[in-house]
N, C-alpha and C. Protein backbone atom coordinates (compact mmCIF):
# COMPACT_ATOMS: atom_id res chain seq x y z
N MET A 1 0.83 -1.38 -0.21
CA MET A 1 -0.02 0.21 0.23
C MET A 1 0.96 1.20 0.19
N GLN A 2 0.75 1.92 -0.74
CA GLN A 2 0.83 3.46 -0.71
C GLN A 2 1.21 4.16 0.36
N SER A 3 1.80 5.43 0.86
CA SER A 3 1.56 6.14 1.77
C SER A 3 0.12 7.09 1.56
N GLU A 4 -0.23 7.33 2.51
CA GLU A 4 -1.58 8.18 2.51
C GLU A 4 -1.88 9.39 1.57
N THR A 5 -2.46 9.28 1.00
CA THR A 5 -2.51 10.46 -0.16
C THR A 5 -3.55 11.12 0.05
N THR A 6 -3.30 12.93 -0.13
CA THR A 6 -4.38 13.90 0.44
C THR A 6 -5.40 13.50 -1.08
N SER A 7 -6.84 13.95 -0.22
CA SER A 7 -7.75 14.14 -1.32
C SER A 7 -7.76 14.98 -2.47
N THR A 8 -6.92 16.27 -2.28
CA THR A 8 -6.69 17.06 -3.55
C THR A 8 -5.72 16.35 -4.69
N ASP A 9 -5.10 15.38 -4.57
CA ASP A 9 -4.51 14.60 -5.70
C ASP A 9 -5.64 13.67 -6.42
N LEU A 10 -6.87 13.88 -6.25
CA LEU A 10 -7.87 12.88 -6.90
C LEU A 10 -8.34 13.64 -7.98
N ILE A 11 -8.68 13.12 -8.89
CA ILE A 11 -9.21 13.47 -10.24
C ILE A 11 -10.22 12.79 -10.79
N LEU A 12 -11.46 13.20 -11.03
CA LEU A 12 -12.40 12.33 -11.83
C LEU A 12 -12.21 13.00 -13.20
N ALA A 13 -12.13 12.14 -14.08
CA ALA A 13 -12.10 12.32 -15.37
C ALA A 13 -13.59 12.31 -15.96
N SER A 14 -14.12 13.62 -15.76
CA SER A 14 -15.90 13.56 -15.94
C SER A 14 -16.65 14.55 -15.97
N GLY A 15 -17.48 14.93 -16.66
CA GLY A 15 -17.98 15.94 -16.69
C GLY A 15 -19.58 15.82 -15.94
N SER A 16 -19.81 14.38 -15.59
CA SER A 16 -20.83 13.89 -15.35
C SER A 16 -21.12 14.43 -13.69
N ARG A 17 -22.69 14.79 -13.64
CA ARG A 17 -23.15 15.31 -12.27
C ARG A 17 -23.28 13.80 -11.51
N TYR A 18 -23.61 13.03 -11.94
CA TYR A 18 -23.96 11.72 -11.49
C TYR A 18 -22.61 11.13 -10.74
N ARG A 19 -21.87 11.02 -11.50
CA ARG A 19 -20.42 10.37 -11.09
C ARG A 19 -19.66 11.52 -10.05
N ARG A 20 -19.83 12.95 -10.33
CA ARG A 20 -19.45 13.69 -9.33
C ARG A 20 -20.14 13.49 -7.82
N GLN A 21 -21.62 13.20 -8.03
CA GLN A 21 -22.07 13.11 -6.81
C GLN A 21 -22.05 11.76 -6.15
N LEU A 22 -21.61 10.74 -6.95
CA LEU A 22 -21.17 9.50 -6.26
C LEU A 22 -19.92 9.59 -5.69
N LEU A 23 -18.79 10.01 -6.20
CA LEU A 23 -17.89 10.19 -5.64
C LEU A 23 -17.36 10.95 -4.66
N ALA A 24 -18.33 12.30 -4.48
CA ALA A 24 -18.56 12.78 -3.25
C ALA A 24 -18.56 12.28 -1.90
N ARG A 25 -19.35 11.04 -2.01
CA ARG A 25 -19.95 9.93 -1.01
C ARG A 25 -18.34 9.42 -0.20
N LEU A 26 -17.39 9.33 -0.87
CA LEU A 26 -16.20 8.70 -0.59
C LEU A 26 -15.34 9.55 -0.50
N ALA A 27 -15.02 10.66 -1.20
CA ALA A 27 -14.07 11.35 -1.09
C ALA A 27 -14.78 12.85 -0.86
N PRO A 28 -14.21 13.61 0.10
CA PRO A 28 -14.72 14.90 0.59
C PRO A 28 -14.00 16.12 -0.29
N GLU A 29 -12.84 15.57 -1.01
CA GLU A 29 -12.18 16.82 -1.96
C GLU A 29 -11.59 15.88 -3.21
N PHE A 30 -11.91 16.58 -4.19
CA PHE A 30 -11.48 16.00 -5.62
C PHE A 30 -11.87 17.04 -6.78
N ARG A 31 -11.17 16.69 -7.96
CA ARG A 31 -11.55 17.97 -8.88
C ARG A 31 -12.16 16.95 -10.09
N CYS A 32 -12.75 17.45 -11.27
CA CYS A 32 -13.35 17.18 -12.04
C CYS A 32 -12.89 17.59 -13.08
N VAL A 33 -12.37 16.96 -14.30
CA VAL A 33 -11.90 17.31 -15.38
C VAL A 33 -12.38 16.40 -16.62
N ALA A 34 -12.90 16.96 -17.20
CA ALA A 34 -13.85 16.54 -18.20
C ALA A 34 -12.92 15.90 -19.38
N ALA A 35 -12.82 14.62 -19.84
CA ALA A 35 -11.84 14.58 -20.94
C ALA A 35 -12.57 14.74 -22.08
N ASP A 36 -11.80 15.18 -23.06
CA ASP A 36 -12.00 15.45 -24.55
C ASP A 36 -11.57 14.21 -25.29
N ILE A 37 -12.60 13.13 -25.71
CA ILE A 37 -12.35 12.00 -26.24
C ILE A 37 -13.27 11.88 -27.48
N ASP A 38 -12.91 11.00 -28.20
CA ASP A 38 -14.22 10.56 -29.07
C ASP A 38 -14.73 9.20 -28.86
N GLU A 39 -16.00 9.31 -28.19
CA GLU A 39 -16.56 8.35 -27.70
C GLU A 39 -17.63 7.43 -28.87
N SER A 40 -17.25 7.42 -30.17
CA SER A 40 -17.91 6.66 -31.28
C SER A 40 -17.29 5.14 -30.59
N HIS A 41 -18.64 4.24 -31.21
CA HIS A 41 -18.06 2.78 -31.11
C HIS A 41 -17.51 1.78 -32.27
N GLN A 42 -16.68 1.61 -32.19
CA GLN A 42 -15.97 0.92 -33.29
C GLN A 42 -16.06 -0.41 -33.42
N PRO A 43 -16.23 -0.53 -34.84
CA PRO A 43 -16.78 -1.92 -35.67
C PRO A 43 -16.22 -3.24 -34.64
N GLY A 44 -16.96 -3.92 -34.44
CA GLY A 44 -16.75 -5.47 -33.95
C GLY A 44 -16.50 -5.33 -32.42
N GLU A 45 -17.02 -4.35 -32.23
CA GLU A 45 -16.50 -3.98 -30.49
C GLU A 45 -17.94 -4.39 -29.73
N SER A 46 -17.68 -5.10 -28.77
CA SER A 46 -18.33 -5.66 -27.66
C SER A 46 -18.95 -4.66 -26.81
N PRO A 47 -19.97 -4.47 -25.93
CA PRO A 47 -20.31 -3.28 -24.84
C PRO A 47 -19.28 -3.34 -23.74
N ALA A 48 -18.83 -4.42 -23.27
CA ALA A 48 -17.67 -4.64 -22.30
C ALA A 48 -16.65 -3.87 -23.08
N GLN A 49 -16.00 -4.01 -24.37
CA GLN A 49 -14.85 -3.69 -24.62
C GLN A 49 -14.90 -2.22 -24.60
N MET A 50 -16.07 -1.62 -25.62
CA MET A 50 -16.64 -0.07 -25.28
C MET A 50 -16.32 0.67 -24.45
N ALA A 51 -16.81 -0.06 -23.02
CA ALA A 51 -16.91 0.79 -21.89
C ALA A 51 -15.55 0.83 -21.20
N ALA A 52 -14.67 -0.28 -21.30
CA ALA A 52 -13.24 -0.31 -21.06
C ALA A 52 -12.60 0.60 -21.59
N ARG A 53 -12.65 0.60 -22.92
CA ARG A 53 -11.69 1.41 -23.81
C ARG A 53 -12.10 2.92 -23.67
N LEU A 54 -13.24 3.52 -23.36
CA LEU A 54 -13.42 4.66 -23.20
C LEU A 54 -13.34 5.11 -21.87
N ALA A 55 -13.42 4.40 -20.71
CA ALA A 55 -12.94 4.51 -19.39
C ALA A 55 -11.49 4.99 -19.45
N GLN A 56 -10.71 3.90 -20.09
CA GLN A 56 -9.54 4.01 -20.35
C GLN A 56 -9.05 5.13 -20.64
N LEU A 57 -9.73 5.61 -22.14
CA LEU A 57 -9.08 6.74 -22.73
C LEU A 57 -9.47 7.97 -22.07
N LYS A 58 -10.41 8.05 -21.50
CA LYS A 58 -11.05 9.08 -20.43
C LYS A 58 -9.77 9.34 -19.37
N ALA A 59 -9.39 8.47 -18.59
CA ALA A 59 -8.39 8.66 -17.67
C ALA A 59 -6.95 8.78 -18.18
N GLU A 60 -6.63 8.27 -19.29
CA GLU A 60 -5.06 8.45 -19.98
C GLU A 60 -5.30 9.97 -20.27
N SER A 61 -6.62 10.74 -21.20
CA SER A 61 -6.47 12.17 -21.34
C SER A 61 -6.20 12.81 -20.54
N VAL A 62 -6.87 12.82 -19.31
CA VAL A 62 -6.66 13.58 -18.47
C VAL A 62 -5.11 13.46 -17.43
N ALA A 63 -4.86 12.14 -17.11
CA ALA A 63 -3.55 11.95 -16.30
C ALA A 63 -2.42 12.30 -17.30
N LYS A 64 -2.45 12.77 -18.66
CA LYS A 64 -1.56 13.10 -19.37
C LYS A 64 -1.11 14.66 -18.98
N ARG A 65 -2.19 15.51 -18.45
CA ARG A 65 -1.96 16.68 -17.94
C ARG A 65 -2.04 16.90 -16.68
N HIS A 66 -2.06 15.89 -15.79
CA HIS A 66 -2.45 15.62 -14.22
C HIS A 66 -1.10 14.53 -13.85
N PRO A 67 0.04 14.24 -14.18
CA PRO A 67 0.79 13.47 -13.99
C PRO A 67 0.93 12.91 -12.23
N ASP A 68 0.67 13.76 -11.52
CA ASP A 68 1.15 13.18 -10.23
C ASP A 68 -0.07 12.96 -9.30
N ALA A 69 -1.37 13.07 -10.02
CA ALA A 69 -2.82 12.68 -9.32
C ALA A 69 -3.17 11.31 -9.77
N ILE A 70 -4.19 10.82 -8.79
CA ILE A 70 -5.02 9.71 -9.05
C ILE A 70 -5.95 10.00 -9.94
N VAL A 71 -6.13 9.26 -11.07
CA VAL A 71 -7.03 9.75 -12.17
C VAL A 71 -8.15 8.85 -12.20
N ILE A 72 -9.39 9.10 -12.04
CA ILE A 72 -10.56 8.01 -12.39
C ILE A 72 -11.06 8.08 -13.72
N GLY A 73 -11.22 7.24 -14.42
CA GLY A 73 -11.80 7.53 -15.77
C GLY A 73 -13.29 6.36 -15.45
N SER A 74 -14.37 6.65 -16.00
CA SER A 74 -15.54 5.68 -15.83
C SER A 74 -16.28 6.03 -17.44
N ASP A 75 -17.15 4.77 -17.36
CA ASP A 75 -18.03 4.90 -18.62
C ASP A 75 -18.82 3.83 -18.54
N GLN A 76 -20.00 4.08 -19.00
CA GLN A 76 -21.00 2.89 -18.86
C GLN A 76 -21.74 2.88 -20.42
N VAL A 77 -22.15 1.61 -20.90
CA VAL A 77 -22.62 1.43 -21.99
C VAL A 77 -24.17 0.66 -21.60
N ALA A 78 -24.98 1.09 -22.53
CA ALA A 78 -26.36 0.27 -22.25
C ALA A 78 -26.60 -0.33 -23.37
N THR A 79 -27.48 -1.60 -23.40
CA THR A 79 -27.94 -2.36 -24.82
C THR A 79 -29.08 -3.11 -24.09
N VAL A 80 -30.01 -3.06 -25.47
CA VAL A 80 -31.13 -3.75 -25.29
C VAL A 80 -31.27 -4.69 -26.57
N ASP A 81 -31.56 -5.89 -26.46
CA ASP A 81 -31.19 -7.04 -27.53
C ASP A 81 -29.93 -6.89 -28.13
N GLY A 82 -28.89 -6.61 -27.49
CA GLY A 82 -27.59 -6.16 -27.94
C GLY A 82 -27.27 -5.68 -28.83
N LEU A 83 -28.18 -4.56 -28.81
CA LEU A 83 -27.87 -3.21 -29.45
C LEU A 83 -27.49 -2.08 -28.51
N ILE A 84 -26.90 -1.42 -28.68
CA ILE A 84 -26.33 -0.24 -27.74
C ILE A 84 -27.26 0.75 -27.76
N VAL A 85 -27.55 1.47 -26.50
CA VAL A 85 -28.52 2.64 -26.63
C VAL A 85 -28.16 3.52 -26.07
N GLY A 86 -27.42 4.52 -26.29
CA GLY A 86 -26.81 5.81 -25.84
C GLY A 86 -27.99 6.63 -25.06
N LYS A 87 -27.28 8.06 -24.83
CA LYS A 87 -28.29 9.07 -24.36
C LYS A 87 -28.98 9.41 -25.29
N PRO A 88 -30.57 9.72 -25.16
CA PRO A 88 -31.32 10.17 -26.19
C PRO A 88 -31.02 11.48 -26.67
N ALA A 89 -31.14 11.77 -28.11
CA ALA A 89 -30.91 13.28 -28.62
C ALA A 89 -31.84 14.24 -28.07
N ASP A 90 -33.26 13.57 -27.75
CA ASP A 90 -34.39 14.70 -27.60
C ASP A 90 -35.56 13.70 -26.99
N ARG A 91 -36.99 14.32 -26.82
CA ARG A 91 -37.95 13.47 -26.36
C ARG A 91 -38.35 12.30 -26.78
N PRO A 92 -38.65 12.66 -28.55
CA PRO A 92 -39.28 11.35 -29.05
C PRO A 92 -38.23 10.11 -29.19
N ALA A 93 -36.94 10.53 -29.12
CA ALA A 93 -35.69 9.44 -28.97
C ALA A 93 -35.98 8.69 -27.90
N ALA A 94 -36.21 9.45 -26.48
CA ALA A 94 -36.37 8.79 -25.20
C ALA A 94 -37.60 7.93 -25.42
N SER A 95 -38.68 8.44 -25.71
CA SER A 95 -40.05 7.51 -26.00
C SER A 95 -39.77 6.36 -26.60
N ALA A 96 -38.90 6.23 -27.74
CA ALA A 96 -38.56 5.12 -28.42
C ALA A 96 -37.71 4.46 -27.95
N GLN A 97 -36.79 4.83 -27.12
CA GLN A 97 -36.07 3.88 -26.13
C GLN A 97 -36.65 3.01 -25.30
N LEU A 98 -37.39 3.60 -24.49
CA LEU A 98 -38.16 3.19 -23.23
C LEU A 98 -39.55 1.87 -24.36
N ARG A 99 -39.87 2.57 -25.37
CA ARG A 99 -40.70 1.52 -26.07
C ARG A 99 -39.87 0.09 -26.13
N SER A 100 -38.31 0.33 -26.81
CA SER A 100 -37.75 -0.77 -27.05
C SER A 100 -37.33 -1.71 -25.91
N ALA A 101 -37.57 -0.81 -24.60
CA ALA A 101 -37.24 -1.76 -23.45
C ALA A 101 -38.40 -2.37 -22.61
N SER A 102 -39.32 -2.10 -23.34
CA SER A 102 -40.72 -2.35 -22.67
C SER A 102 -40.91 -3.88 -22.54
N GLY A 103 -41.07 -4.74 -21.45
CA GLY A 103 -40.90 -6.10 -21.01
C GLY A 103 -39.50 -6.75 -21.48
N LYS A 104 -38.60 -6.03 -21.44
CA LYS A 104 -37.28 -6.47 -21.77
C LYS A 104 -36.36 -6.20 -20.72
N THR A 105 -35.09 -7.07 -20.99
CA THR A 105 -33.74 -6.39 -20.05
C THR A 105 -32.99 -5.58 -20.59
N MET A 106 -32.45 -4.50 -19.77
CA MET A 106 -31.61 -3.74 -20.46
C MET A 106 -30.12 -3.76 -19.63
N ASP A 107 -28.94 -4.10 -20.50
CA ASP A 107 -27.89 -4.25 -19.75
C ASP A 107 -27.11 -3.34 -19.47
N PHE A 108 -26.54 -2.80 -18.32
CA PHE A 108 -25.54 -1.72 -18.36
C PHE A 108 -24.15 -2.17 -17.86
N THR A 109 -23.27 -1.86 -18.80
CA THR A 109 -22.03 -2.20 -18.36
C THR A 109 -21.03 -1.19 -18.01
N THR A 110 -20.37 -0.77 -16.71
CA THR A 110 -19.92 0.10 -16.21
C THR A 110 -18.78 -0.21 -16.05
N ALA A 111 -17.63 0.46 -16.85
CA ALA A 111 -16.12 0.28 -16.47
C ALA A 111 -15.54 1.59 -15.65
N VAL A 112 -14.68 1.06 -15.22
CA VAL A 112 -13.63 2.10 -14.38
C VAL A 112 -12.19 1.62 -14.88
N HIS A 113 -11.76 2.78 -14.78
CA HIS A 113 -9.92 2.83 -14.92
C HIS A 113 -9.17 3.71 -14.37
N ILE A 114 -8.66 3.36 -13.44
CA ILE A 114 -7.75 4.26 -12.22
C ILE A 114 -6.48 4.11 -12.71
N ILE A 115 -5.84 5.68 -12.99
CA ILE A 115 -4.26 5.53 -13.20
C ILE A 115 -3.31 6.11 -11.90
N PRO A 116 -2.86 5.77 -11.32
CA PRO A 116 -2.16 5.96 -9.91
C PRO A 116 -1.39 7.15 -10.56
N PRO A 117 -0.69 7.88 -9.77
CA PRO A 117 0.28 9.09 -9.86
C PRO A 117 1.72 8.36 -10.43
N LEU A 118 2.05 9.22 -11.49
CA LEU A 118 3.48 8.81 -11.89
C LEU A 118 3.72 7.27 -12.14
N GLY A 119 2.67 7.01 -13.09
CA GLY A 119 3.11 5.66 -13.82
C GLY A 119 3.03 4.27 -12.96
N GLY A 120 2.31 4.32 -11.88
CA GLY A 120 1.72 3.29 -11.22
C GLY A 120 1.10 2.24 -12.01
N GLU A 121 0.85 0.90 -11.55
CA GLU A 121 -0.37 0.09 -12.09
C GLU A 121 -1.47 0.45 -12.07
N CYS A 122 -2.13 0.43 -13.08
CA CYS A 122 -3.52 0.78 -13.45
C CYS A 122 -4.27 -0.53 -12.81
N LEU A 123 -5.57 0.33 -12.37
CA LEU A 123 -6.60 -0.62 -11.71
C LEU A 123 -7.88 -0.64 -12.61
N VAL A 124 -8.32 -1.50 -12.76
CA VAL A 124 -9.31 -1.48 -14.07
C VAL A 124 -10.54 -2.48 -13.33
N HIS A 125 -11.88 -1.89 -13.52
CA HIS A 125 -12.90 -3.16 -13.36
C HIS A 125 -13.95 -2.52 -14.14
N LEU A 126 -14.98 -4.03 -14.06
CA LEU A 126 -16.24 -4.08 -15.00
C LEU A 126 -17.16 -4.42 -14.18
N ASP A 127 -18.41 -3.77 -14.38
CA ASP A 127 -19.51 -4.01 -13.54
C ASP A 127 -20.96 -4.14 -14.27
N THR A 128 -21.55 -5.15 -14.32
CA THR A 128 -22.83 -5.43 -15.30
C THR A 128 -24.14 -5.47 -14.59
N THR A 129 -24.98 -4.82 -14.88
CA THR A 129 -26.12 -4.57 -14.42
C THR A 129 -27.16 -4.79 -15.04
N GLU A 130 -28.29 -5.81 -15.22
CA GLU A 130 -29.28 -6.17 -15.65
C GLU A 130 -30.73 -5.52 -14.97
N VAL A 131 -31.24 -4.99 -15.88
CA VAL A 131 -32.55 -3.93 -15.50
C VAL A 131 -33.59 -4.61 -16.15
N PHE A 132 -34.58 -5.46 -15.52
CA PHE A 132 -35.73 -5.85 -16.09
C PHE A 132 -36.96 -5.03 -16.24
N PHE A 133 -37.44 -4.17 -17.01
CA PHE A 133 -38.38 -3.28 -17.53
C PHE A 133 -39.76 -3.93 -17.42
N ARG A 134 -40.72 -3.28 -16.79
CA ARG A 134 -41.95 -3.81 -16.83
C ARG A 134 -42.62 -3.45 -18.06
N ARG A 135 -43.73 -4.31 -18.40
CA ARG A 135 -44.53 -3.60 -20.10
C ARG A 135 -44.89 -2.23 -19.70
N LEU A 136 -44.45 -1.50 -20.45
CA LEU A 136 -44.78 0.06 -20.87
C LEU A 136 -45.59 0.37 -22.00
N ASP A 137 -46.69 1.03 -21.77
CA ASP A 137 -47.51 1.72 -22.71
C ASP A 137 -47.24 2.85 -22.99
N ASP A 138 -47.66 3.76 -23.69
CA ASP A 138 -47.35 4.80 -23.96
C ASP A 138 -47.54 5.62 -23.12
N ALA A 139 -48.75 5.95 -22.52
CA ALA A 139 -49.18 6.92 -21.26
C ALA A 139 -47.85 6.67 -20.24
N MET A 140 -47.70 5.53 -20.01
CA MET A 140 -46.43 5.56 -18.84
C MET A 140 -45.59 6.01 -19.01
N ILE A 141 -44.94 5.87 -20.37
CA ILE A 141 -43.84 6.56 -20.82
C ILE A 141 -43.75 7.93 -20.90
N GLU A 142 -44.91 8.64 -21.41
CA GLU A 142 -45.44 9.64 -21.47
C GLU A 142 -45.04 10.81 -20.01
N ASP A 143 -45.85 9.79 -19.12
CA ASP A 143 -46.03 10.35 -17.74
C ASP A 143 -44.58 10.38 -17.00
N TYR A 144 -43.90 9.52 -17.41
CA TYR A 144 -42.60 9.47 -17.05
C TYR A 144 -41.71 10.36 -17.47
N LEU A 145 -41.76 10.85 -18.67
CA LEU A 145 -40.90 12.10 -19.54
C LEU A 145 -41.42 13.06 -19.20
N ASP A 146 -42.87 13.42 -18.63
CA ASP A 146 -43.12 14.72 -18.37
C ASP A 146 -42.58 14.87 -16.78
N ARG A 147 -42.37 13.94 -15.98
CA ARG A 147 -41.77 14.02 -14.68
C ARG A 147 -40.17 13.63 -14.64
N GLU A 148 -39.34 13.53 -15.33
CA GLU A 148 -38.28 13.20 -15.10
C GLU A 148 -37.37 13.66 -16.50
N GLN A 149 -36.31 14.38 -15.88
CA GLN A 149 -34.92 14.67 -16.99
C GLN A 149 -34.52 13.55 -17.32
N THR A 150 -34.72 13.15 -18.70
CA THR A 150 -33.94 11.93 -18.69
C THR A 150 -32.57 12.21 -20.00
N LEU A 151 -32.60 13.10 -20.62
CA LEU A 151 -31.50 13.08 -21.64
C LEU A 151 -30.24 12.86 -21.62
N ASP A 152 -29.78 13.06 -20.13
CA ASP A 152 -28.39 12.69 -20.03
C ASP A 152 -28.31 11.51 -19.32
N CYS A 153 -29.34 10.54 -19.51
CA CYS A 153 -29.08 8.85 -18.69
C CYS A 153 -29.54 7.88 -20.39
N ALA A 154 -28.27 7.30 -20.34
CA ALA A 154 -28.42 6.35 -21.15
C ALA A 154 -29.65 5.53 -21.58
N GLY A 155 -30.19 4.96 -22.29
CA GLY A 155 -31.45 4.40 -22.09
C GLY A 155 -32.59 4.78 -21.70
N SER A 156 -32.33 6.11 -21.37
CA SER A 156 -33.56 7.10 -20.75
C SER A 156 -34.11 6.73 -19.50
N PHE A 157 -33.40 5.94 -18.89
CA PHE A 157 -33.77 5.31 -17.66
C PHE A 157 -32.81 6.12 -16.64
N LYS A 158 -33.35 6.49 -15.52
CA LYS A 158 -32.72 7.00 -14.62
C LYS A 158 -33.40 6.43 -13.20
N SER A 159 -32.52 5.68 -12.67
CA SER A 159 -33.12 4.68 -11.82
C SER A 159 -33.08 5.25 -10.06
N GLU A 160 -32.08 6.49 -10.11
CA GLU A 160 -32.40 7.29 -8.80
C GLU A 160 -33.48 7.75 -8.67
N GLY A 161 -34.24 8.37 -9.89
CA GLY A 161 -35.38 8.79 -9.71
C GLY A 161 -36.42 8.19 -9.94
N LEU A 162 -37.56 8.70 -10.83
CA LEU A 162 -39.04 7.97 -11.03
C LEU A 162 -38.67 6.94 -11.86
N GLY A 163 -37.64 6.88 -12.37
CA GLY A 163 -37.21 5.11 -13.28
C GLY A 163 -37.44 4.08 -12.72
N ILE A 164 -37.32 4.09 -11.33
CA ILE A 164 -37.42 3.20 -10.56
C ILE A 164 -38.80 2.44 -10.55
N ALA A 165 -39.83 3.01 -10.82
CA ALA A 165 -40.99 2.73 -10.72
C ALA A 165 -41.33 2.22 -12.40
N LEU A 166 -40.63 1.90 -13.14
CA LEU A 166 -40.45 1.63 -14.58
C LEU A 166 -39.99 0.06 -14.87
N VAL A 167 -39.51 -0.43 -13.70
CA VAL A 167 -38.87 -1.92 -13.72
C VAL A 167 -39.52 -2.79 -12.74
N GLU A 168 -39.08 -4.27 -13.39
CA GLU A 168 -39.67 -5.02 -11.97
C GLU A 168 -38.45 -5.81 -11.19
N GLN A 169 -37.63 -5.58 -11.80
CA GLN A 169 -36.21 -6.01 -10.99
C GLN A 169 -35.20 -5.52 -11.37
N ILE A 170 -34.09 -5.42 -10.69
CA ILE A 170 -32.45 -5.07 -10.66
C ILE A 170 -31.46 -5.98 -10.23
N LYS A 171 -30.92 -6.84 -11.28
CA LYS A 171 -29.75 -7.69 -10.59
C LYS A 171 -28.55 -6.72 -10.74
N THR A 172 -27.81 -6.67 -9.46
CA THR A 172 -26.39 -5.86 -9.72
C THR A 172 -25.48 -6.39 -8.18
N ARG A 173 -24.54 -6.29 -8.32
CA ARG A 173 -23.33 -6.61 -7.28
C ARG A 173 -23.45 -5.05 -6.58
N ASP A 174 -23.63 -4.05 -7.36
CA ASP A 174 -23.34 -2.66 -6.76
C ASP A 174 -24.56 -1.51 -7.38
N PRO A 175 -25.15 -1.30 -6.63
CA PRO A 175 -26.40 -0.45 -7.06
C PRO A 175 -25.76 0.91 -7.67
N THR A 176 -24.72 1.10 -6.88
CA THR A 176 -23.99 2.76 -7.83
C THR A 176 -23.54 2.41 -8.91
N ALA A 177 -23.09 1.54 -9.26
CA ALA A 177 -23.03 1.18 -10.62
C ALA A 177 -23.85 1.38 -11.99
N LEU A 178 -25.03 1.39 -11.69
CA LEU A 178 -25.85 1.31 -12.56
C LEU A 178 -26.14 3.08 -12.59
N VAL A 179 -25.71 3.98 -11.69
CA VAL A 179 -25.98 5.48 -11.80
C VAL A 179 -24.47 6.14 -12.54
N GLY A 180 -23.61 4.98 -12.51
CA GLY A 180 -22.33 5.32 -13.29
C GLY A 180 -20.83 4.97 -12.62
N LEU A 181 -20.91 4.83 -11.35
CA LEU A 181 -19.78 4.48 -10.58
C LEU A 181 -20.00 3.85 -9.69
N PRO A 182 -19.14 2.51 -10.02
CA PRO A 182 -19.37 1.35 -8.52
C PRO A 182 -18.66 1.70 -7.46
N LEU A 183 -19.39 2.39 -6.40
CA LEU A 183 -18.57 3.03 -5.08
C LEU A 183 -18.00 1.49 -4.33
N ILE A 184 -18.75 0.56 -4.23
CA ILE A 184 -18.01 -0.67 -3.39
C ILE A 184 -16.47 -1.25 -4.12
N TRP A 185 -16.42 -1.13 -5.33
CA TRP A 185 -15.09 -1.71 -5.80
C TRP A 185 -14.30 -0.56 -5.88
N LEU A 186 -14.55 0.87 -5.87
CA LEU A 186 -14.22 1.90 -5.95
C LEU A 186 -13.34 2.20 -4.37
N ALA A 187 -14.25 2.24 -3.63
CA ALA A 187 -13.78 2.36 -2.27
C ALA A 187 -12.59 1.42 -2.16
N GLU A 188 -12.51 0.26 -2.32
CA GLU A 188 -11.46 -0.36 -2.19
C GLU A 188 -10.51 -0.41 -2.56
N ALA A 189 -10.36 0.12 -4.13
CA ALA A 189 -9.11 0.63 -5.11
C ALA A 189 -8.69 1.84 -4.40
N LEU A 190 -9.42 2.47 -4.05
CA LEU A 190 -9.04 3.85 -3.37
C LEU A 190 -8.36 3.83 -2.13
N ARG A 191 -8.55 2.73 -1.31
CA ARG A 191 -7.88 2.48 0.16
C ARG A 191 -6.53 1.96 -0.56
N SER A 192 -6.60 1.04 -1.61
CA SER A 192 -5.29 0.41 -1.82
C SER A 192 -4.07 1.41 -2.18
N LEU A 193 -4.75 2.70 -2.85
CA LEU A 193 -3.78 3.62 -3.20
C LEU A 193 -3.33 4.64 -2.39
N GLY A 194 -3.94 4.51 -0.97
CA GLY A 194 -3.46 5.01 0.38
C GLY A 194 -4.36 6.38 0.59
N LEU A 195 -5.75 6.27 -0.02
CA LEU A 195 -6.72 7.47 0.35
C LEU A 195 -7.38 7.05 1.62
N ALA A 196 -7.77 7.90 2.69
CA ALA A 196 -8.28 7.88 3.78
C ALA A 196 -9.87 7.53 3.57
N ILE A 197 -10.14 6.04 3.51
CA ILE A 197 -11.87 5.90 3.50
C ILE A 197 -11.90 4.77 4.31
N PRO A 198 -12.99 4.88 4.95
CA PRO A 198 -13.29 3.97 6.06
C PRO A 198 -13.60 2.19 5.63
């Protein structure tokens, strides 16, 4: 284990408010630095490969500018019937995503890539969450979209809000992974890097 590191040396390579809120549960002080990367899907790439690659690229992009910091990159890929479902561009797209998920399972793969200071060994993690949707009619979907902001959520599903009413079951090792950052694993990873986390 490395010597204890101050929280000011911790950077989240993300502009996501959801990930920022999650990390704040573990670390009282950290910085957010958005990574400027191409998040396009590569041909033949599985959801797990895509999430892992993007998490790594985010972390590397920020670590190049901040080599003395612990840098956390994370990405999430949602799929229905094997097809990648991103963040909806607008409300009609959100409606279409939820109709496609009705009565089906949406899989969320969340990847984390941590780069320690000064070229230490990287820590990586993948977490998969299965979300089983109820059968949703148009009225349910429109009511949900009237009451919830979903344009910044993969699959238009906001589990920490009203989205929880749309599902029958969620299977996960870590409920925070579904929101975008698996804190159970992350807490142990940051402890191993010397951060003062209970």
